[in-house]
Amino acid sequence: MIAILTVIHVLITLAMVGVILIQRSEGGGLGIGGGSGGGMGGLMSGRGTANVLTRATMVLGALFMATSIALTFAAAGGRSRTVIPPISAPASTPAQAPAAPAAPSAPVK
């Protein structure tokens, strides 16, 4: 089960990276890949392609989160739900008083 979820998770991750990389930059953060004019051409306009890629990114992001949560629950399957184990005192050793400090030694002349 975990192996299948992991493979699906990796495929979704690769698809999401690919979809994000083919999107056109709108902010021109590095000053590359933008410019005015020069539409995409073909069957879809530049704006229509951006809408499809944006929706694909949202769907892939939701699937990524779902598989991440599913992998988390699958990995924690047999473990107990306590975060910190209870602390119990050892039964074999009785409580002992701390040892008295040693007396200081006299200086040698």
Protein backbone atom coordinates (compact mmCIF):
# COMPACT_ATOMS: atom_id res chain seq x y z
CA MET A 1 0.00 0.00 0.00
CA ILE A 2 2.75 2.43 0.95
CA ALA A 3 4.75 1.57 -2.17
CA ILE A 4 1.78 2.29 -4.44
CA LEU A 5 1.06 5.57 -2.66
CA THR A 6 4.72 6.56 -2.92
CA VAL A 7 4.80 5.90 -6.68
CA ILE A 8 1.60 7.92 -7.17
CA HIS A 9 3.02 10.70 -4.98
CA VAL A 10 6.23 10.87 -7.02
CA LEU A 11 4.30 10.92 -10.32
CA ILE A 12 2.09 13.75 -9.06
CA THR A 13 5.19 15.63 -7.92
CA LEU A 14 6.87 15.30 -11.31
CA ALA A 15 3.68 16.35 -13.11
CA MET A 16 3.32 19.38 -10.84
CA VAL A 17 6.93 20.43 -11.44
CA GLY A 18 6.42 20.09 -15.19
CA VAL A 19 3.18 22.09 -15.19
CA ILE A 20 4.75 24.85 -13.09
CA LEU A 21 7.81 25.05 -15.33
CA ILE A 22 5.83 25.46 -18.55
CA GLN A 23 3.76 28.33 -17.15
CA ARG A 24 4.57 31.79 -18.40
CA SER A 25 6.04 34.20 -15.86
CA GLU A 26 3.72 37.10 -15.11
CA GLY A 27 5.91 39.08 -12.74
CA GLY A 28 9.14 39.04 -14.72
CA GLY A 29 11.11 38.34 -11.55
CA LEU A 30 14.40 37.85 -13.39
CA GLY A 31 13.48 39.80 -16.48
CA ILE A 32 13.40 36.75 -18.74
CA GLY A 33 10.73 34.82 -20.57
CA GLY A 34 8.24 37.66 -20.72
CA GLY A 35 7.68 40.52 -23.03
CA SER A 36 4.55 41.91 -24.64
CA GLY A 37 2.88 40.30 -27.59
CA GLY A 38 4.00 36.98 -29.01
CA GLY A 39 0.94 34.89 -28.11
CA MET A 40 1.00 31.15 -27.85
CA GLY A 41 -0.68 30.54 -31.20
CA GLY A 42 -2.50 27.37 -32.10
CA LEU A 43 -5.87 26.20 -30.81
CA MET A 44 -5.79 27.98 -27.47
CA SER A 45 -5.05 31.61 -26.76
CA GLY A 46 -2.38 32.62 -24.28
CA ARG A 47 -4.96 33.43 -21.61
CA GLY A 48 -6.83 30.14 -22.12
CA THR A 49 -3.62 28.18 -21.75
CA ALA A 50 -2.82 30.07 -18.54
CA ASN A 51 -6.25 29.20 -17.11
CA VAL A 52 -5.81 25.50 -17.92
CA LEU A 53 -2.30 25.43 -16.43
CA THR A 54 -3.46 27.28 -13.31
CA ARG A 55 -6.29 24.82 -12.78
CA ALA A 56 -3.99 21.87 -13.44
CA THR A 57 -1.57 23.25 -10.85
CA MET A 58 -4.36 23.59 -8.29
CA VAL A 59 -5.63 20.05 -8.92
CA LEU A 60 -2.12 18.58 -8.76
CA GLY A 61 -1.43 20.55 -5.57
CA ALA A 62 -4.58 19.17 -3.94
CA LEU A 63 -3.66 15.63 -5.02
CA PHE A 64 -0.14 16.17 -3.67
CA MET A 65 -1.53 17.19 -0.27
CA ALA A 66 -3.95 14.26 -0.23
CA THR A 67 -1.24 11.71 -1.00
CA SER A 68 1.05 13.33 1.59
CA ILE A 69 -1.61 12.94 4.28
CA ALA A 70 -2.40 9.38 3.15
CA LEU A 71 1.30 8.46 3.32
CA THR A 72 1.53 9.95 6.82
CA PHE A 73 -1.38 7.88 8.08
CA ALA A 74 -0.12 4.76 6.31
CA ALA A 75 3.35 5.13 7.81
CA ALA A 76 1.97 5.57 11.35
CA GLY A 77 -0.35 2.58 10.96
CA GLY A 78 0.69 0.27 13.81
CA ARG A 79 2.22 2.75 16.20
CA SER A 80 0.55 4.08 19.31
CA ARG A 81 -0.78 7.59 19.29
CA THR A 82 1.10 8.80 22.40
CA VAL A 83 3.83 11.29 21.70
CA ILE A 84 5.66 11.02 25.03
CA PRO A 85 5.81 7.62 26.73
CA PRO A 86 4.73 7.51 30.40
CA ILE A 87 7.57 7.74 32.90
CA SER A 88 7.58 5.20 35.73
CA ALA A 89 9.97 4.90 38.65
CA PRO A 90 12.14 1.78 38.69
CA ALA A 91 10.67 -0.76 41.12
CA SER A 92 13.93 -2.46 42.16
CA THR A 93 15.82 0.53 43.63
CA PRO A 94 14.57 2.22 46.79
CA ALA A 95 14.75 5.97 47.10
CA GLN A 96 18.17 6.99 48.42
CA ALA A 97 19.23 10.23 50.05
CA PRO A 98 21.97 12.11 48.22
CA ALA A 99 25.49 11.53 49.51
CA ALA A 100 27.02 14.20 51.72
CA PRO A 101 29.73 16.30 50.09
CA ALA A 102 33.34 15.40 50.95
CA ALA A 103 35.18 17.59 53.44
CA PRO A 104 37.76 19.93 51.92
CA SER A 105 41.36 18.79 52.29
CA ALA A 106 43.87 20.81 54.30
CA PRO A 107 46.54 22.68 52.31
CA VAL A 108 50.01 21.11 52.32
CA LYS A 109 52.92 23.29 53.61
